[in-house]
């Protein structure tokens, strides 16, 4: 399993797939980002490397994941990762590691922390999407205004969908009575 994940990671971050995804903002900032996060999550689920043992370590992991995600969502960071190959590889590695850290952090935390994090993360995605969707100024100089608006539209749908899923999970997941 681990070898297959590493092979998928290699294919995702090398030519020709990396170049294809980088050619459009939706490919770079949405497809590639969430694919790398997903591979990191799968690696975290399939290994027992680097366990986070207590709540402060896990919350610190969520903070680190959030920082990595927010940093690579900033227009200047997107531009730098497109202009310099070394920055693009740091982006790939940090999104992969971010997924791994997210998987190590989130599952063992209390429901309240999971719910709050889910609401905050989906709200952040939605707010970012609104900026990219409705701002009529080029924010990322390596992509066109059309690319930015399309990315904003796709991210808005995803962010609102995730927000709805978190709300449904809170309503129905928390209302289950625990059997004693």
C-alpha atoms as a PDB file:
ATOM      1  CA  UNK A   1       0.000   0.000   0.000  1.00  0.00           C
ATOM      2  CA  UNK A   2       2.746   2.456   0.963  1.00  0.00           C
ATOM      3  CA  UNK A   3       4.672   1.746  -2.249  1.00  0.00           C
ATOM      4  CA  UNK A   4       1.528   2.380  -4.324  1.00  0.00           C
ATOM      5  CA  UNK A   5       0.949   5.692  -2.525  1.00  0.00           C
ATOM      6  CA  UNK A   6       4.532   6.785  -3.130  1.00  0.00           C
ATOM      7  CA  UNK A   7       4.211   5.822  -6.807  1.00  0.00           C
ATOM      8  CA  UNK A   8       0.994   7.844  -7.121  1.00  0.00           C
ATOM      9  CA  UNK A   9       2.690  10.786  -5.418  1.00  0.00           C
ATOM     10  CA  UNK A  10       5.607  10.559  -7.852  1.00  0.00           C
ATOM     11  CA  UNK A  11       3.270  10.479 -10.862  1.00  0.00           C
ATOM     12  CA  UNK A  12       1.294  13.446  -9.527  1.00  0.00           C
ATOM     13  CA  UNK A  13       4.307  15.709  -9.004  1.00  0.00           C
ATOM     14  CA  UNK A  14       6.389  14.928 -12.098  1.00  0.00           C
ATOM     15  CA  UNK A  15       6.113  15.631 -15.807  1.00  0.00           C
ATOM     16  CA  UNK A  16       3.743  15.308 -17.657  1.00  0.00           C
ATOM     17  CA  UNK A  17       0.921  15.263 -15.066  1.00  0.00           C
ATOM     18  CA  UNK A  18       2.383  18.104 -12.977  1.00  0.00           C
ATOM     19  CA  UNK A  19       2.732  20.308 -16.045  1.00  0.00           C
ATOM     20  CA  UNK A  20      -0.801  19.513 -17.169  1.00  0.00           C
ATOM     21  CA  UNK A  21      -2.284  20.310 -13.741  1.00  0.00           C
ATOM     22  CA  UNK A  22      -0.174  23.462 -13.386  1.00  0.00           C
ATOM     23  CA  UNK A  23      -1.468  24.827 -16.703  1.00  0.00           C
ATOM     24  CA  UNK A  24      -4.836  25.789 -15.141  1.00  0.00           C
ATOM     25  CA  UNK A  25      -5.552  27.215 -11.716  1.00  0.00           C
ATOM     26  CA  UNK A  26      -8.256  24.622 -11.019  1.00  0.00           C
ATOM     27  CA  UNK A  27      -5.720  21.869 -11.737  1.00  0.00           C
ATOM     28  CA  UNK A  28      -2.978  23.398  -9.614  1.00  0.00           C
ATOM     29  CA  UNK A  29      -4.877  24.826  -6.654  1.00  0.00           C
ATOM     30  CA  UNK A  30      -7.786  22.407  -6.462  1.00  0.00           C
ATOM     31  CA  UNK A  31      -7.143  19.031  -8.115  1.00  0.00           C
ATOM     32  CA  UNK A  32      -3.463  18.779  -7.234  1.00  0.00           C
ATOM     33  CA  UNK A  33      -3.864  20.219  -3.734  1.00  0.00           C
ATOM     34  CA  UNK A  34      -6.670  17.889  -2.707  1.00  0.00           C
ATOM     35  CA  UNK A  35      -5.036  14.909  -4.429  1.00  0.00           C
ATOM     36  CA  UNK A  36      -1.819  15.497  -2.480  1.00  0.00           C
ATOM     37  CA  UNK A  37      -3.771  15.932   0.753  1.00  0.00           C
ATOM     38  CA  UNK A  38      -5.682  12.723   0.009  1.00  0.00           C
ATOM     39  CA  UNK A  39      -2.486  10.767  -0.616  1.00  0.00           C
ATOM     40  CA  UNK A  40      -1.065  12.085   2.662  1.00  0.00           C
ATOM     41  CA  UNK A  41      -4.230  11.059   4.490  1.00  0.00           C
ATOM     42  CA  UNK A  42      -4.071   7.576   2.953  1.00  0.00           C
ATOM     43  CA  UNK A  43      -0.423   7.226   3.981  1.00  0.00           C
ATOM     44  CA  UNK A  44      -1.337   8.262   7.516  1.00  0.00           C
ATOM     45  CA  UNK A  45      -4.080   5.651   7.631  1.00  0.00           C
ATOM     46  CA  UNK A  46      -1.878   2.868   6.270  1.00  0.00           C
ATOM     47  CA  UNK A  47       1.143   3.338   8.537  1.00  0.00           C
ATOM     48  CA  UNK A  48       1.808   3.861  12.214  1.00  0.00           C
ATOM     49  CA  UNK A  49       4.596   6.387  11.684  1.00  0.00           C
ATOM     50  CA  UNK A  50       4.764   9.462  13.919  1.00  0.00           C
ATOM     51  CA  UNK A  51       1.786   8.904  16.198  1.00  0.00           C
ATOM     52  CA  UNK A  52       0.440  11.992  17.990  1.00  0.00           C
ATOM     53  CA  UNK A  53      -0.326  10.771  21.470  1.00  0.00           C
ATOM     54  CA  UNK A  54      -2.216  13.529  23.273  1.00  0.00           C
ATOM     55  CA  UNK A  55      -4.621  16.357  22.506  1.00  0.00           C
ATOM     56  CA  UNK A  56      -2.081  19.211  22.551  1.00  0.00           C
ATOM     57  CA  UNK A  57       0.033  17.412  19.920  1.00  0.00           C
ATOM     58  CA  UNK A  58      -3.048  16.745  17.793  1.00  0.00           C
ATOM     59  CA  UNK A  59      -4.306  20.333  18.027  1.00  0.00           C
ATOM     60  CA  UNK A  60      -0.803  21.520  17.113  1.00  0.00           C
ATOM     61  CA  UNK A  61      -1.035  19.231  14.086  1.00  0.00           C
ATOM     62  CA  UNK A  62      -4.309  20.882  13.041  1.00  0.00           C
ATOM     63  CA  UNK A  63      -2.688  24.298  13.409  1.00  0.00           C
ATOM     64  CA  UNK A  64       0.276  23.224  11.280  1.00  0.00           C
ATOM     65  CA  UNK A  65      -2.040  21.759   8.634  1.00  0.00           C
ATOM     66  CA  UNK A  66      -4.082  24.976   8.582  1.00  0.00           C
ATOM     67  CA  UNK A  67      -0.940  27.084   8.225  1.00  0.00           C
ATOM     68  CA  UNK A  68       0.317  24.987   5.303  1.00  0.00           C
ATOM     69  CA  UNK A  69      -3.032  25.115   3.549  1.00  0.00           C
ATOM     70  CA  UNK A  70      -3.509  28.852   4.060  1.00  0.00           C
ATOM     71  CA  UNK A  71       0.063  29.658   3.008  1.00  0.00           C
ATOM     72  CA  UNK A  72      -0.325  27.861  -0.319  1.00  0.00           C
ATOM     73  CA  UNK A  73      -3.714  29.543  -0.897  1.00  0.00           C
ATOM     74  CA  UNK A  74      -2.176  33.027  -0.895  1.00  0.00           C
ATOM     75  CA  UNK A  75      -1.930  34.351  -4.472  1.00  0.00           C
ATOM     76  CA  UNK A  76       1.763  35.223  -4.130  1.00  0.00           C
ATOM     77  CA  UNK A  77       2.552  31.692  -2.949  1.00  0.00           C
ATOM     78  CA  UNK A  78       0.677  30.249  -5.925  1.00  0.00           C
ATOM     79  CA  UNK A  79       2.723  32.491  -8.229  1.00  0.00           C
ATOM     80  CA  UNK A  80       6.047  31.566  -6.626  1.00  0.00           C
ATOM     81  CA  UNK A  81       5.245  27.857  -6.908  1.00  0.00           C
ATOM     82  CA  UNK A  82       4.612  28.354 -10.618  1.00  0.00           C
ATOM     83  CA  UNK A  83       7.709  30.455 -11.267  1.00  0.00           C
ATOM     84  CA  UNK A  84      10.266  28.310  -9.433  1.00  0.00           C
ATOM     85  CA  UNK A  85      10.525  24.535  -9.632  1.00  0.00           C
ATOM     86  CA  UNK A  86      11.993  24.290  -6.115  1.00  0.00           C
ATOM     87  CA  UNK A  87       8.968  26.165  -4.698  1.00  0.00           C
ATOM     88  CA  UNK A  88       6.607  23.893  -6.636  1.00  0.00           C
ATOM     89  CA  UNK A  89       8.276  20.831  -5.086  1.00  0.00           C
ATOM     90  CA  UNK A  90       8.055  22.391  -1.592  1.00  0.00           C
ATOM     91  CA  UNK A  91       4.359  22.983  -2.259  1.00  0.00           C
ATOM     92  CA  UNK A  92       3.905  19.323  -3.282  1.00  0.00           C
ATOM     93  CA  UNK A  93       5.741  18.040  -0.238  1.00  0.00           C
ATOM     94  CA  UNK A  94       3.961  20.344   2.202  1.00  0.00           C
ATOM     95  CA  UNK A  95       0.493  19.421   0.892  1.00  0.00           C
ATOM     96  CA  UNK A  96       1.350  15.711   1.106  1.00  0.00           C
ATOM     97  CA  UNK A  97       2.752  16.104   4.628  1.00  0.00           C
ATOM     98  CA  UNK A  98      -0.230  18.312   5.510  1.00  0.00           C
ATOM     99  CA  UNK A  99      -2.613  15.482   4.629  1.00  0.00           C
ATOM    100  CA  UNK A 100      -0.534  13.069   6.697  1.00  0.00           C
ATOM    101  CA  UNK A 101      -0.594  15.462   9.676  1.00  0.00           C
ATOM    102  CA  UNK A 102      -4.335  16.038   9.284  1.00  0.00           C
ATOM    103  CA  UNK A 103      -4.962  12.293   9.431  1.00  0.00           C
ATOM    104  CA  UNK A 104      -2.733  11.928  12.488  1.00  0.00           C
ATOM    105  CA  UNK A 105      -4.448  14.849  14.257  1.00  0.00           C
ATOM    106  CA  UNK A 106      -8.157  14.899  13.559  1.00  0.00           C
ATOM    107  CA  UNK A 107      -9.583  11.368  14.093  1.00  0.00           C
ATOM    108  CA  UNK A 108      -8.606  11.021  17.761  1.00  0.00           C
ATOM    109  CA  UNK A 109      -9.800  14.476  18.845  1.00  0.00           C
ATOM    110  CA  UNK A 110     -13.126  15.082  20.616  1.00  0.00           C
ATOM    111  CA  UNK A 111     -16.218  15.649  18.459  1.00  0.00           C
ATOM    112  CA  UNK A 112     -16.408  19.293  19.515  1.00  0.00           C
ATOM    113  CA  UNK A 113     -12.901  20.020  18.211  1.00  0.00           C
ATOM    114  CA  UNK A 114     -13.628  18.127  14.982  1.00  0.00           C
ATOM    115  CA  UNK A 115     -16.844  20.076  14.477  1.00  0.00           C
ATOM    116  CA  UNK A 116     -15.269  23.451  15.154  1.00  0.00           C
ATOM    117  CA  UNK A 117     -12.325  22.653  12.881  1.00  0.00           C
ATOM    118  CA  UNK A 118     -14.657  21.433  10.125  1.00  0.00           C
ATOM    119  CA  UNK A 119     -16.724  24.613  10.314  1.00  0.00           C
ATOM    120  CA  UNK A 120     -13.660  26.856  10.358  1.00  0.00           C
ATOM    121  CA  UNK A 121     -11.930  25.028   7.506  1.00  0.00           C
ATOM    122  CA  UNK A 122     -15.005  24.953   5.268  1.00  0.00           C
ATOM    123  CA  UNK A 123     -15.663  28.630   6.054  1.00  0.00           C
ATOM    124  CA  UNK A 124     -12.075  29.453   5.095  1.00  0.00           C
ATOM    125  CA  UNK A 125     -12.476  27.576   1.810  1.00  0.00           C
ATOM    126  CA  UNK A 126     -15.722  29.402   1.086  1.00  0.00           C
ATOM    127  CA  UNK A 127     -14.248  32.825   1.903  1.00  0.00           C
ATOM    128  CA  UNK A 128     -11.200  32.141  -0.274  1.00  0.00           C
ATOM    129  CA  UNK A 129     -13.485  30.986  -3.066  1.00  0.00           C
ATOM    130  CA  UNK A 130     -15.541  34.169  -2.876  1.00  0.00           C
ATOM    131  CA  UNK A 131     -12.437  36.316  -3.261  1.00  0.00           C
ATOM    132  CA  UNK A 132     -11.192  34.369  -6.277  1.00  0.00           C
ATOM    133  CA  UNK A 133     -14.673  34.146  -7.803  1.00  0.00           C
ATOM    134  CA  UNK A 134     -15.829  37.753  -7.570  1.00  0.00           C
ATOM    135  CA  UNK A 135     -12.652  39.842  -7.460  1.00  0.00           C
ATOM    136  CA  UNK A 136     -12.196  41.348 -10.926  1.00  0.00           C
ATOM    137  CA  UNK A 137      -8.480  41.911 -10.510  1.00  0.00           C
ATOM    138  CA  UNK A 138      -5.795  39.382 -11.377  1.00  0.00           C
ATOM    139  CA  UNK A 139      -4.548  38.076  -8.042  1.00  0.00           C
ATOM    140  CA  UNK A 140      -2.221  35.388  -9.396  1.00  0.00           C
ATOM    141  CA  UNK A 141      -0.093  36.772 -12.202  1.00  0.00           C
ATOM    142  CA  UNK A 142       0.559  33.291 -13.594  1.00  0.00           C
ATOM    143  CA  UNK A 143      -3.135  32.663 -14.302  1.00  0.00           C
ATOM    144  CA  UNK A 144      -5.830  34.549 -16.195  1.00  0.00           C
ATOM    145  CA  UNK A 145      -8.830  36.227 -14.624  1.00  0.00           C
ATOM    146  CA  UNK A 146     -10.999  33.509 -16.184  1.00  0.00           C
ATOM    147  CA  UNK A 147      -8.877  30.840 -14.434  1.00  0.00           C
ATOM    148  CA  UNK A 148      -9.237  32.634 -11.105  1.00  0.00           C
ATOM    149  CA  UNK A 149     -13.008  32.954 -11.470  1.00  0.00           C
ATOM    150  CA  UNK A 150     -13.343  29.292 -12.466  1.00  0.00           C
ATOM    151  CA  UNK A 151     -11.189  28.198  -9.518  1.00  0.00           C
ATOM    152  CA  UNK A 152     -13.310  30.365  -7.225  1.00  0.00           C
ATOM    153  CA  UNK A 153     -16.497  28.787  -8.564  1.00  0.00           C
ATOM    154  CA  UNK A 154     -15.212  25.219  -8.102  1.00  0.00           C
ATOM    155  CA  UNK A 155     -13.830  25.971  -4.633  1.00  0.00           C
ATOM    156  CA  UNK A 156     -17.088  27.686  -3.636  1.00  0.00           C
ATOM    157  CA  UNK A 157     -19.113  24.601  -4.542  1.00  0.00           C
ATOM    158  CA  UNK A 158     -16.658  22.372  -2.685  1.00  0.00           C
ATOM    159  CA  UNK A 159     -16.457  24.653   0.374  1.00  0.00           C
ATOM    160  CA  UNK A 160     -20.228  25.015   0.696  1.00  0.00           C
ATOM    161  CA  UNK A 161     -20.669  21.271   0.177  1.00  0.00           C
ATOM    162  CA  UNK A 162     -18.120  20.538   2.893  1.00  0.00           C
ATOM    163  CA  UNK A 163     -19.792  23.090   5.163  1.00  0.00           C
ATOM    164  CA  UNK A 164     -23.136  21.347   4.637  1.00  0.00           C
ATOM    165  CA  UNK A 165     -21.630  17.930   5.352  1.00  0.00           C
ATOM    166  CA  UNK A 166     -20.094  19.207   8.591  1.00  0.00           C
ATOM    167  CA  UNK A 167     -23.450  20.678   9.669  1.00  0.00           C
ATOM    168  CA  UNK A 168     -25.214  17.383   8.870  1.00  0.00           C
ATOM    169  CA  UNK A 169     -22.518  15.462  10.777  1.00  0.00           C
ATOM    170  CA  UNK A 170     -22.949  17.758  13.778  1.00  0.00           C
ATOM    171  CA  UNK A 171     -26.741  17.471  13.759  1.00  0.00           C
ATOM    172  CA  UNK A 172     -27.002  13.739  13.183  1.00  0.00           C
ATOM    173  CA  UNK A 173     -23.630  12.473  14.424  1.00  0.00           C
ATOM    174  CA  UNK A 174     -23.779  14.243  17.751  1.00  0.00           C
ATOM    175  CA  UNK A 175     -27.412  13.434  18.422  1.00  0.00           C
ATOM    176  CA  UNK A 176     -26.829   9.692  18.645  1.00  0.00           C
ATOM    177  CA  UNK A 177     -27.199   8.448  22.159  1.00  0.00           C
ATOM    178  CA  UNK A 178     -24.316   6.516  23.571  1.00  0.00           C
ATOM    179  CA  UNK A 179     -25.206   3.080  24.813  1.00  0.00           C
ATOM    180  CA  UNK A 180     -23.950   2.360  28.269  1.00  0.00           C
END
